[in-house]
Amino acid sequence: MKKNKFTDSQIAFILRQAEEGTAIAEVCRKARISVQTYSRWRKKYGGLMPSKMKRVKQLEEENMDRFHGGWVTFSTVKTDLERIQYAHTTTCLLPISGNYGQ
């Protein structure tokens, strides 16, 4: 797997700039990345904090080791990544306080 020249916190910063209203073309120009790279990062890491991004990368590496070792199917790898994304979205959507079910 190719080594990324951007750290998790740098990727999160780039994505956050665009979310805050800076034009995507401007963000990409300043970071010296293509719009395609930005779109791929947004699809993969959109809304994740650097600690969660690191966990996603760690699970991807573990799954690739398993996949190449021959004892895990691709569907298992996909299921693991979907589980992480689901856990992220459900934790973000829960209310902070209030009366539940009353």
Protein backbone atom coordinates (compact mmCIF):
# COMPACT_ATOMS: atom_id res chain seq x y z
CA MET A 1 0.00 0.00 0.00
CA LYS A 2 1.34 3.45 -0.92
CA LYS A 3 2.40 5.67 1.96
CA ASN A 4 0.32 8.86 2.25
CA LYS A 5 2.24 12.12 2.50
CA PHE A 6 -0.53 13.71 4.60
CA THR A 7 -1.15 12.86 8.25
CA ASP A 8 -4.62 12.15 9.61
CA SER A 9 -4.79 15.56 11.26
CA GLN A 10 -3.77 17.30 8.01
CA ILE A 11 -6.49 15.47 6.08
CA ALA A 12 -9.04 16.37 8.76
CA PHE A 13 -7.94 20.03 8.60
CA ILE A 14 -8.29 20.11 4.80
CA LEU A 15 -11.77 18.56 4.96
CA ARG A 16 -12.82 20.92 7.74
CA GLN A 17 -11.76 23.99 5.71
CA ALA A 18 -14.11 23.03 2.90
CA GLU A 19 -16.93 22.26 5.34
CA GLU A 20 -16.56 25.73 6.85
CA GLY A 21 -17.28 27.37 3.52
CA THR A 22 -13.96 27.79 1.71
CA ALA A 23 -14.28 26.88 -1.96
CA ILE A 24 -13.18 23.31 -2.67
CA ALA A 25 -10.98 24.43 -5.56
CA GLU A 26 -9.23 26.90 -3.26
CA VAL A 27 -8.68 24.29 -0.54
CA CYS A 28 -7.28 21.84 -3.08
CA ARG A 29 -4.98 24.46 -4.59
CA LYS A 30 -3.55 25.44 -1.18
CA ALA A 31 -3.06 21.80 -0.15
CA ARG A 32 -1.67 20.90 -3.59
CA ILE A 33 -4.09 18.03 -4.08
CA SER A 34 -6.54 17.25 -6.85
CA VAL A 35 -10.28 17.61 -6.50
CA GLN A 36 -10.47 13.85 -7.03
CA THR A 37 -8.23 13.28 -3.98
CA TYR A 38 -10.37 15.66 -1.94
CA SER A 39 -13.53 13.80 -3.01
CA ARG A 40 -11.99 10.43 -2.15
CA TRP A 41 -10.97 11.70 1.31
CA ARG A 42 -14.42 13.21 1.91
CA LYS A 43 -16.09 9.94 0.96
CA LYS A 44 -13.77 7.90 3.16
CA TYR A 45 -13.18 10.20 6.14
CA GLY A 46 -15.98 12.79 5.98
CA GLY A 47 -16.91 13.87 9.50
CA LEU A 48 -14.33 11.71 11.27
CA MET A 49 -11.86 13.08 13.76
CA PRO A 50 -8.16 12.15 13.37
CA SER A 51 -8.38 9.49 16.10
CA LYS A 52 -11.25 7.74 14.29
CA MET A 53 -9.39 8.11 10.98
CA LYS A 54 -6.40 6.34 12.50
CA ARG A 55 -8.68 3.51 13.67
CA VAL A 56 -10.19 3.13 10.18
CA LYS A 57 -6.70 2.90 8.66
CA GLN A 58 -5.62 0.39 11.30
CA LEU A 59 -8.63 -1.84 10.58
CA GLU A 60 -8.02 -1.57 6.83
CA GLU A 61 -4.43 -2.76 7.33
CA GLU A 62 -5.54 -5.63 9.58
CA ASN A 63 -8.17 -6.66 7.06
CA MET A 64 -5.69 -6.52 4.19
CA ASP A 65 -3.36 -8.80 6.15
CA ARG A 66 -6.23 -11.21 6.75
CA PHE A 67 -7.40 -10.98 3.14
CA HIS A 68 -3.94 -11.70 1.76
CA GLY A 69 -3.47 -14.43 4.36
CA GLY A 70 -6.42 -16.23 2.78
CA TRP A 71 -8.67 -16.64 5.81
CA VAL A 72 -11.06 -13.68 5.41
CA THR A 73 -13.32 -12.91 2.48
CA PHE A 74 -13.78 -9.46 0.98
CA SER A 75 -17.34 -9.32 2.34
CA THR A 76 -15.97 -9.57 5.88
CA VAL A 77 -13.61 -6.65 5.22
CA LYS A 78 -16.48 -4.59 3.84
CA THR A 79 -18.67 -5.49 6.83
CA ASP A 80 -15.97 -4.34 9.28
CA LEU A 81 -15.67 -0.96 7.56
CA GLU A 82 -19.45 -0.53 7.41
CA ARG A 83 -19.67 -1.31 11.13
CA ILE A 84 -17.17 1.47 11.89
CA GLN A 85 -19.05 3.97 9.74
CA TYR A 86 -22.38 2.98 11.34
CA ALA A 87 -20.92 3.35 14.84
CA HIS A 88 -19.62 6.80 13.91
CA THR A 89 -22.96 8.01 12.56
CA THR A 90 -24.99 6.65 15.45
CA THR A 91 -22.73 8.23 18.07
CA CYS A 92 -22.97 11.59 16.33
CA LEU A 93 -26.77 11.53 16.10
CA LEU A 94 -27.55 10.74 19.73
CA PRO A 95 -28.91 13.64 21.81
CA ILE A 96 -26.65 14.95 24.55
CA SER A 97 -29.28 15.19 27.28
CA GLY A 98 -33.00 14.94 27.82
CA ASN A 99 -35.77 12.60 28.87
CA TYR A 100 -35.69 9.47 26.77
CA GLY A 101 -38.90 7.63 26.02
CA GLN A 102 -41.07 9.72 28.33
